[in-house]
Structures are given as C-alpha cells and as structure tokens.
Protein backbone atom coordinates (compact mmCIF):
# COMPACT_ATOMS: atom_id res chain seq x y z
CA UNK A 1 133.96 -52.06 67.89
CA UNK A 2 135.79 -50.02 70.44
CA UNK A 3 139.51 -50.51 70.88
CA UNK A 4 138.91 -51.50 74.50
CA UNK A 5 136.59 -54.38 73.57
CA UNK A 6 138.99 -55.50 70.85
CA UNK A 7 141.84 -55.56 73.39
CA UNK A 8 139.74 -57.62 75.81
CA UNK A 9 138.83 -60.13 73.09
CA UNK A 10 142.47 -60.39 72.04
CA UNK A 11 143.50 -61.01 75.67
CA UNK A 12 140.90 -63.80 75.88
CA UNK A 13 142.18 -65.31 72.62
CA UNK A 14 145.76 -65.25 73.94
CA UNK A 15 144.66 -66.88 77.21
CA UNK A 16 145.74 -63.90 79.32
CA UNK A 17 142.27 -63.64 80.86
CA UNK A 18 139.45 -66.14 81.02
CA UNK A 19 136.33 -65.80 78.85
CA UNK A 20 134.36 -65.12 82.04
CA UNK A 21 136.71 -62.27 83.01
CA UNK A 22 136.45 -60.88 79.47
CA UNK A 23 132.67 -61.08 79.65
CA UNK A 24 132.61 -59.19 82.96
CA UNK A 25 134.86 -56.44 81.60
CA UNK A 26 132.82 -56.05 78.42
CA UNK A 27 129.54 -55.94 80.34
CA UNK A 28 130.94 -53.24 82.61
CA UNK A 29 132.03 -51.21 79.60
CA UNK A 30 128.65 -51.65 77.92
CA UNK A 31 126.81 -50.58 81.08
CA UNK A 32 128.93 -47.44 81.30
CA UNK A 33 128.28 -46.67 77.63
CA UNK A 34 124.52 -47.21 78.06
CA UNK A 35 124.51 -44.83 81.02
CA UNK A 36 126.40 -42.20 79.03
CA UNK A 37 124.20 -42.57 75.93
CA UNK A 38 120.91 -43.09 77.70
CA UNK A 39 120.34 -46.41 75.87
CA UNK A 40 118.03 -48.84 77.62
CA UNK A 41 117.97 -52.01 75.46
CA UNK A 42 120.77 -54.54 75.82
CA UNK A 43 120.56 -57.75 73.81
CA UNK A 44 123.50 -59.34 75.62
CA UNK A 45 121.68 -59.20 78.98
CA UNK A 46 118.58 -61.06 77.78
CA UNK A 47 118.09 -64.65 78.86
CA UNK A 48 118.01 -67.47 76.33
CA UNK A 49 118.99 -67.66 72.68
CA UNK A 50 119.70 -64.57 70.61
CA UNK A 51 117.93 -64.63 67.25
CA UNK A 52 118.22 -61.92 64.60
CA UNK A 53 115.81 -62.74 61.79
CA UNK A 54 116.35 -61.94 58.10
CA UNK A 55 114.14 -58.85 58.21
CA UNK A 56 115.82 -57.41 61.34
CA UNK A 57 118.78 -55.07 61.72
CA UNK A 58 120.99 -53.99 64.64
CA UNK A 59 122.30 -50.45 64.16
CA UNK A 60 125.23 -50.72 66.62
CA UNK A 61 127.94 -53.10 67.81
CA UNK A 62 126.67 -56.39 69.21
CA UNK A 63 128.55 -58.36 71.88
CA UNK A 64 127.10 -61.69 73.03
CA UNK A 65 128.37 -64.17 75.56
CA UNK A 66 127.36 -67.73 76.49
CA UNK A 67 124.39 -67.87 74.15
CA UNK A 68 123.13 -69.73 71.14
CA UNK A 69 123.32 -66.99 68.49
CA UNK A 70 121.30 -67.34 65.30
CA UNK A 71 122.07 -64.41 63.05
CA UNK A 72 120.24 -64.12 59.73
CA UNK A 73 119.77 -60.34 59.61
CA UNK A 74 122.15 -57.40 59.32
CA UNK A 75 124.40 -55.90 61.99
CA UNK A 76 125.62 -52.43 61.01
CA UNK A 77 128.27 -52.35 63.72
CA UNK A 78 130.79 -54.99 64.75
CA UNK A 79 129.94 -58.43 66.13
CA UNK A 80 131.82 -60.07 69.01
CA UNK A 81 130.85 -63.52 70.27
CA UNK A 82 132.32 -65.06 73.43
CA UNK A 83 131.62 -68.73 74.12
CA UNK A 84 128.59 -68.76 71.80
CA UNK A 85 127.16 -71.55 69.69
CA UNK A 86 126.72 -69.64 66.43
CA UNK A 87 124.63 -70.12 63.30
CA UNK A 88 125.38 -67.27 60.90
CA UNK A 89 123.95 -66.45 57.48
CA UNK A 90 123.54 -62.70 57.95
CA UNK A 91 125.68 -59.68 57.26
CA UNK A 92 128.03 -57.63 59.44
CA UNK A 93 129.49 -54.27 58.55
CA UNK A 94 128.82 -50.61 58.25
C-alpha cells in the first residue's frame, strides 16, 4: 500500500477527516494511478458486494469502501477497507 493511502487511512482512524473524505482522496489517487499505468479495471468502483472466491487472486493493492466484502481468495498486495461489512477467510500479503 502506498504511503499516501496509509496516511489517509490513519487520518480517518484518528478522526481528522471523515471516512467519506478519505474515500474521495483514495479514489482520486487510484484514478491518477490507473491513468499513469493504463489500468482499466477497478474493483472499488463496481456497484454491489465485492466477492473474491477461493480460486481467485488479486495481484495488486485492493481498496474498498462502503461495500459488503467477502474475501476467500488471495490478495498479493495490501487490503484497505473503509466502512465495509467484511467476511474474511482469505489471505493477504506478497
């Protein structure tokens, strides 16, 4: 996870900014990164629940906000959840 996202999440945890403000900042950072890297898929922008099944893997950092997150698979990057209802039995780490 980038230092910038970590700082935003820490500011939310300390109550310095609201979760909504943190979400907006993170989305703006992700959009900029997608533009720079040419990436087109963004799980955090999809409507509805986020489900990562046991046989699935995410190769990068995953940041979700205001979702029901069911994570059974593997995330090779970092995982950040903001205001999510979470069910976790997967694996996170490089």
